[in-house]
Amino acid sequence: MPTTITPSPFTTARLDALPLEPAYADEMAAVLADPALYVFTGGGPPDPAALRSRYERQSAGSPDPGELWWNWVLKVRADGALAGYVQATVRGPRAEIAWVVGTPWQGRGYASEAAKGLAAHLVAAGGVRELVAHVHPDHAASEAVATAAGLRPTGEWEDGERRWAGNPPLPGAR
């Protein structure tokens, strides 16, 4: 039976992270339209119908009851535009996280802000104690985001990407 637990929204100083819904597909297809976003990850820009289908699957949840698929779109509070997404695959106290910010919004610190907010949210709302991300070794911007989220590179590799990991502080810890 699929897990359908929807993640709760969270906010950062400039962003609202809203639980993913298929209705966001058209706007997000425009956000994700630049082929430059796929240089390190492969693939290419999704069309709105394909993105809506993906969002329907993701919103339905993982078929594995021990795994949660938590996905959020990032809305820039100042202008109301969607600018990217963050996601977490949560298994018990461990979450694998990822982030993408559309090209027009890059260079403004949104990805780092969102990744830090995601880390804090996962600890507070999801009981997560370990974060993991996979970053292409030539993607300096994503390495900076991983660092901002409290992750450090490990000696482990998967599909040409370095594994980054960290243990975020518990709420109230200094």
C-alpha atoms as a PDB file:
ATOM      1  CA  MET A   1       0.000   0.000   0.000  1.00  0.00           C
ATOM      2  CA  PRO A   2       1.509   3.387  -0.965  1.00  0.00           C
ATOM      3  CA  THR A   3       2.529   5.799   1.745  1.00  0.00           C
ATOM      4  CA  THR A   4       0.517   8.981   1.230  1.00  0.00           C
ATOM      5  CA  ILE A   5       1.756  11.050   4.142  1.00  0.00           C
ATOM      6  CA  THR A   6       2.053  14.560   2.752  1.00  0.00           C
ATOM      7  CA  PRO A   7       4.882  16.660   4.097  1.00  0.00           C
ATOM      8  CA  SER A   8       4.032  19.826   5.916  1.00  0.00           C
ATOM      9  CA  PRO A   9       5.040  23.155   4.393  1.00  0.00           C
ATOM     10  CA  PHE A  10       7.946  25.127   5.803  1.00  0.00           C
ATOM     11  CA  THR A  11       9.361  28.583   5.354  1.00  0.00           C
ATOM     12  CA  THR A  12      12.739  30.254   5.239  1.00  0.00           C
ATOM     13  CA  ALA A  13      13.567  33.951   5.280  1.00  0.00           C
ATOM     14  CA  ARG A  14      12.550  34.427   1.622  1.00  0.00           C
ATOM     15  CA  LEU A  15      10.929  31.172   0.520  1.00  0.00           C
ATOM     16  CA  ASP A  16       7.780  29.178   1.120  1.00  0.00           C
ATOM     17  CA  ALA A  17       8.294  25.434   0.609  1.00  0.00           C
ATOM     18  CA  LEU A  18       4.900  24.090  -0.437  1.00  0.00           C
ATOM     19  CA  PRO A  19       4.047  20.377  -0.642  1.00  0.00           C
ATOM     20  CA  LEU A  20       4.213  19.204  -4.241  1.00  0.00           C
ATOM     21  CA  GLU A  21       0.955  19.004  -6.179  1.00  0.00           C
ATOM     22  CA  PRO A  22       0.367  18.086  -9.835  1.00  0.00           C
ATOM     23  CA  ALA A  23      -1.213  21.537 -10.312  1.00  0.00           C
ATOM     24  CA  TYR A  24       2.302  23.041 -10.137  1.00  0.00           C
ATOM     25  CA  ALA A  25       3.454  21.178 -13.274  1.00  0.00           C
ATOM     26  CA  ASP A  26       2.859  23.931 -15.827  1.00  0.00           C
ATOM     27  CA  GLU A  27       4.690  26.630 -13.876  1.00  0.00           C
ATOM     28  CA  MET A  28       7.460  24.247 -12.835  1.00  0.00           C
ATOM     29  CA  ALA A  29       7.996  23.120 -16.445  1.00  0.00           C
ATOM     30  CA  ALA A  30       8.926  26.737 -17.222  1.00  0.00           C
ATOM     31  CA  VAL A  31      11.178  26.898 -14.131  1.00  0.00           C
ATOM     32  CA  LEU A  32      12.969  23.710 -15.234  1.00  0.00           C
ATOM     33  CA  ALA A  33      13.101  24.578 -18.971  1.00  0.00           C
ATOM     34  CA  ASP A  34      16.771  25.577 -19.253  1.00  0.00           C
ATOM     35  CA  PRO A  35      18.894  22.684 -20.624  1.00  0.00           C
ATOM     36  CA  ALA A  36      21.811  24.024 -18.533  1.00  0.00           C
ATOM     37  CA  LEU A  37      20.095  22.575 -15.434  1.00  0.00           C
ATOM     38  CA  TYR A  38      20.825  19.056 -16.711  1.00  0.00           C
ATOM     39  CA  VAL A  39      24.547  19.322 -17.492  1.00  0.00           C
ATOM     40  CA  PHE A  40      25.557  17.397 -14.362  1.00  0.00           C
ATOM     41  CA  THR A  41      22.473  15.218 -13.867  1.00  0.00           C
ATOM     42  CA  GLY A  42      21.656  14.218 -17.426  1.00  0.00           C
ATOM     43  CA  GLY A  43      18.275  14.263 -19.080  1.00  0.00           C
ATOM     44  CA  GLY A  44      16.570  17.385 -20.256  1.00  0.00           C
ATOM     45  CA  PRO A  45      13.714  19.752 -19.583  1.00  0.00           C
ATOM     46  CA  PRO A  46      10.393  17.992 -18.956  1.00  0.00           C
ATOM     47  CA  ASP A  47       7.275  19.005 -20.826  1.00  0.00           C
ATOM     48  CA  PRO A  48       4.289  19.973 -18.670  1.00  0.00           C
ATOM     49  CA  ALA A  49       2.383  16.709 -19.279  1.00  0.00           C
ATOM     50  CA  ALA A  50       5.375  14.542 -18.336  1.00  0.00           C
ATOM     51  CA  LEU A  51       6.015  16.691 -15.269  1.00  0.00           C
ATOM     52  CA  ARG A  52       2.360  16.447 -14.205  1.00  0.00           C
ATOM     53  CA  SER A  53       2.567  12.652 -14.507  1.00  0.00           C
ATOM     54  CA  ARG A  54       5.775  12.606 -12.427  1.00  0.00           C
ATOM     55  CA  TYR A  55       4.190  14.859  -9.803  1.00  0.00           C
ATOM     56  CA  GLU A  56       1.138  12.571  -9.621  1.00  0.00           C
ATOM     57  CA  ARG A  57       3.415   9.581  -8.920  1.00  0.00           C
ATOM     58  CA  GLN A  58       5.525  11.488  -6.400  1.00  0.00           C
ATOM     59  CA  SER A  59       2.455  12.889  -4.623  1.00  0.00           C
ATOM     60  CA  ALA A  60       0.952   9.404  -4.341  1.00  0.00           C
ATOM     61  CA  GLY A  61       3.951   8.370  -2.243  1.00  0.00           C
ATOM     62  CA  SER A  62       6.385   5.509  -2.267  1.00  0.00           C
ATOM     63  CA  PRO A  63       5.036   1.998  -2.782  1.00  0.00           C
ATOM     64  CA  ASP A  64       7.415   1.005   0.051  1.00  0.00           C
ATOM     65  CA  PRO A  65       5.619   1.695   3.359  1.00  0.00           C
ATOM     66  CA  GLY A  66       9.001   2.177   5.063  1.00  0.00           C
ATOM     67  CA  GLU A  67       9.916   5.052   2.772  1.00  0.00           C
ATOM     68  CA  LEU A  68       8.457   8.551   2.499  1.00  0.00           C
ATOM     69  CA  TRP A  69       8.715  10.694  -0.615  1.00  0.00           C
ATOM     70  CA  TRP A  70       8.560  14.287   0.561  1.00  0.00           C
ATOM     71  CA  ASN A  71       8.666  16.938  -2.171  1.00  0.00           C
ATOM     72  CA  TRP A  72       8.175  20.682  -2.063  1.00  0.00           C
ATOM     73  CA  VAL A  73       8.142  23.465  -4.642  1.00  0.00           C
ATOM     74  CA  LEU A  74       9.931  26.664  -3.689  1.00  0.00           C
ATOM     75  CA  LYS A  75       7.916  29.854  -3.926  1.00  0.00           C
ATOM     76  CA  VAL A  76       9.712  33.188  -3.699  1.00  0.00           C
ATOM     77  CA  ARG A  77       7.644  35.138  -1.225  1.00  0.00           C
ATOM     78  CA  ALA A  78       8.554  38.567  -2.676  1.00  0.00           C
ATOM     79  CA  ASP A  79       6.950  37.937  -6.069  1.00  0.00           C
ATOM     80  CA  GLY A  80       4.994  34.692  -5.696  1.00  0.00           C
ATOM     81  CA  ALA A  81       6.954  32.911  -8.428  1.00  0.00           C
ATOM     82  CA  LEU A  82       7.964  29.270  -8.179  1.00  0.00           C
ATOM     83  CA  ALA A  83      11.757  29.023  -8.424  1.00  0.00           C
ATOM     84  CA  GLY A  84      12.656  25.363  -7.890  1.00  0.00           C
ATOM     85  CA  TYR A  85      12.166  22.430  -5.572  1.00  0.00           C
ATOM     86  CA  VAL A  86      13.620  20.422  -2.714  1.00  0.00           C
ATOM     87  CA  GLN A  87      12.958  16.793  -1.982  1.00  0.00           C
ATOM     88  CA  ALA A  88      13.715  14.145   0.583  1.00  0.00           C
ATOM     89  CA  THR A  89      13.438  10.389   0.513  1.00  0.00           C
ATOM     90  CA  VAL A  90      13.040   9.503   4.177  1.00  0.00           C
ATOM     91  CA  ARG A  91      13.694   6.051   5.613  1.00  0.00           C
ATOM     92  CA  GLY A  92      13.513   6.126   9.383  1.00  0.00           C
ATOM     93  CA  PRO A  93      16.075   8.594  10.763  1.00  0.00           C
ATOM     94  CA  ARG A  94      17.879   8.991   7.390  1.00  0.00           C
ATOM     95  CA  ALA A  95      16.909  11.246   4.485  1.00  0.00           C
ATOM     96  CA  GLU A  96      18.446  11.567   1.067  1.00  0.00           C
ATOM     97  CA  ILE A  97      17.938  15.136  -0.095  1.00  0.00           C
ATOM     98  CA  ALA A  98      18.147  16.992  -3.389  1.00  0.00           C
ATOM     99  CA  TRP A  99      17.503  20.520  -4.639  1.00  0.00           C
ATOM    100  CA  VAL A 100      17.096  22.333  -7.942  1.00  0.00           C
ATOM    101  CA  VAL A 101      16.696  26.059  -8.473  1.00  0.00           C
ATOM    102  CA  GLY A 102      15.805  27.341 -11.923  1.00  0.00           C
ATOM    103  CA  THR A 103      18.492  29.224 -13.818  1.00  0.00           C
ATOM    104  CA  PRO A 104      16.860  32.691 -13.514  1.00  0.00           C
ATOM    105  CA  TRP A 105      16.904  32.367  -9.704  1.00  0.00           C
ATOM    106  CA  GLN A 106      20.428  31.010  -9.325  1.00  0.00           C
ATOM    107  CA  GLY A 107      23.170  33.057  -7.694  1.00  0.00           C
ATOM    108  CA  ARG A 108      20.838  34.570  -5.093  1.00  0.00           C
ATOM    109  CA  GLY A 109      21.385  32.030  -2.317  1.00  0.00           C
ATOM    110  CA  TYR A 110      17.958  30.422  -2.707  1.00  0.00           C
ATOM    111  CA  ALA A 111      19.305  26.863  -3.012  1.00  0.00           C
ATOM    112  CA  SER A 112      21.430  27.164   0.136  1.00  0.00           C
ATOM    113  CA  GLU A 113      18.585  28.807   2.024  1.00  0.00           C
ATOM    114  CA  ALA A 114      16.168  26.094   0.921  1.00  0.00           C
ATOM    115  CA  ALA A 115      18.576  23.237   1.740  1.00  0.00           C
ATOM    116  CA  LYS A 116      19.252  24.641   5.226  1.00  0.00           C
ATOM    117  CA  GLY A 117      15.526  25.087   5.774  1.00  0.00           C
ATOM    118  CA  LEU A 118      14.869  21.562   4.533  1.00  0.00           C
ATOM    119  CA  ALA A 119      17.464  20.119   6.905  1.00  0.00           C
ATOM    120  CA  ALA A 120      15.940  21.936   9.883  1.00  0.00           C
ATOM    121  CA  HIS A 121      12.424  20.930   8.852  1.00  0.00           C
ATOM    122  CA  LEU A 122      13.337  17.265   8.469  1.00  0.00           C
ATOM    123  CA  VAL A 123      14.846  17.188  11.945  1.00  0.00           C
ATOM    124  CA  ALA A 124      11.889  18.976  13.530  1.00  0.00           C
ATOM    125  CA  ALA A 125       9.010  17.397  11.582  1.00  0.00           C
ATOM    126  CA  GLY A 126      10.396  14.091  10.442  1.00  0.00           C
ATOM    127  CA  GLY A 127      12.750  12.962  13.172  1.00  0.00           C
ATOM    128  CA  VAL A 128      15.624  12.786  10.693  1.00  0.00           C
ATOM    129  CA  ARG A 129      19.102  12.452  12.221  1.00  0.00           C
ATOM    130  CA  GLU A 130      21.237  11.843   9.107  1.00  0.00           C
ATOM    131  CA  LEU A 131      21.180  13.655   5.788  1.00  0.00           C
ATOM    132  CA  VAL A 132      22.715  12.399   2.567  1.00  0.00           C
ATOM    133  CA  ALA A 133      23.066  13.987  -0.862  1.00  0.00           C
ATOM    134  CA  HIS A 134      24.893  13.016  -4.038  1.00  0.00           C
ATOM    135  CA  VAL A 135      26.781  15.779  -5.829  1.00  0.00           C
ATOM    136  CA  HIS A 136      28.683  15.706  -9.109  1.00  0.00           C
ATOM    137  CA  PRO A 137      32.359  16.480  -8.345  1.00  0.00           C
ATOM    138  CA  ASP A 138      32.461  19.307 -10.912  1.00  0.00           C
ATOM    139  CA  HIS A 139      29.336  21.043  -9.618  1.00  0.00           C
ATOM    140  CA  ALA A 140      30.828  23.648  -7.291  1.00  0.00           C
ATOM    141  CA  ALA A 141      27.503  25.399  -6.704  1.00  0.00           C
ATOM    142  CA  SER A 142      25.853  22.192  -5.461  1.00  0.00           C
ATOM    143  CA  GLU A 143      28.869  21.468  -3.274  1.00  0.00           C
ATOM    144  CA  ALA A 144      28.351  24.902  -1.694  1.00  0.00           C
ATOM    145  CA  VAL A 145      24.666  24.115  -1.119  1.00  0.00           C
ATOM    146  CA  ALA A 146      25.536  20.763   0.471  1.00  0.00           C
ATOM    147  CA  THR A 147      28.021  22.512   2.747  1.00  0.00           C
ATOM    148  CA  ALA A 148      25.414  25.120   3.708  1.00  0.00           C
ATOM    149  CA  ALA A 149      23.034  22.278   4.646  1.00  0.00           C
ATOM    150  CA  GLY A 150      25.673  20.894   7.025  1.00  0.00           C
ATOM    151  CA  LEU A 151      26.892  18.073   4.789  1.00  0.00           C
ATOM    152  CA  ARG A 152      30.500  17.065   4.174  1.00  0.00           C
ATOM    153  CA  PRO A 153      31.960  14.988   1.349  1.00  0.00           C
ATOM    154  CA  THR A 154      32.591  11.334   2.073  1.00  0.00           C
ATOM    155  CA  GLY A 155      34.873   8.912   0.266  1.00  0.00           C
ATOM    156  CA  GLU A 156      31.868   7.116  -1.193  1.00  0.00           C
ATOM    157  CA  TRP A 157      30.725   7.424  -4.808  1.00  0.00           C
ATOM    158  CA  GLU A 158      27.588   6.402  -6.677  1.00  0.00           C
ATOM    159  CA  ASP A 159      26.992   6.813 -10.416  1.00  0.00           C
ATOM    160  CA  GLY A 160      29.865   9.305 -10.709  1.00  0.00           C
ATOM    161  CA  GLU A 161      28.646  11.475  -7.849  1.00  0.00           C
ATOM    162  CA  ARG A 162      30.239  11.926  -4.442  1.00  0.00           C
ATOM    163  CA  ARG A 163      28.159  11.101  -1.401  1.00  0.00           C
ATOM    164  CA  TRP A 164      27.851  13.955   1.081  1.00  0.00           C
ATOM    165  CA  ALA A 165      26.523  13.277   4.586  1.00  0.00           C
ATOM    166  CA  GLY A 166      25.891  15.029   7.844  1.00  0.00           C
ATOM    167  CA  ASN A 167      24.026  14.940  11.115  1.00  0.00           C
ATOM    168  CA  PRO A 168      21.941  18.081  11.547  1.00  0.00           C
ATOM    169  CA  PRO A 169      21.632  19.518  15.047  1.00  0.00           C
ATOM    170  CA  LEU A 170      18.580  18.595  17.038  1.00  0.00           C
ATOM    171  CA  PRO A 171      16.050  21.372  17.717  1.00  0.00           C
ATOM    172  CA  GLY A 172      17.232  23.527  20.587  1.00  0.00           C
ATOM    173  CA  ALA A 173      20.841  22.275  20.326  1.00  0.00           C
ATOM    174  CA  ARG A 174      23.579  24.830  19.995  1.00  0.00           C
END
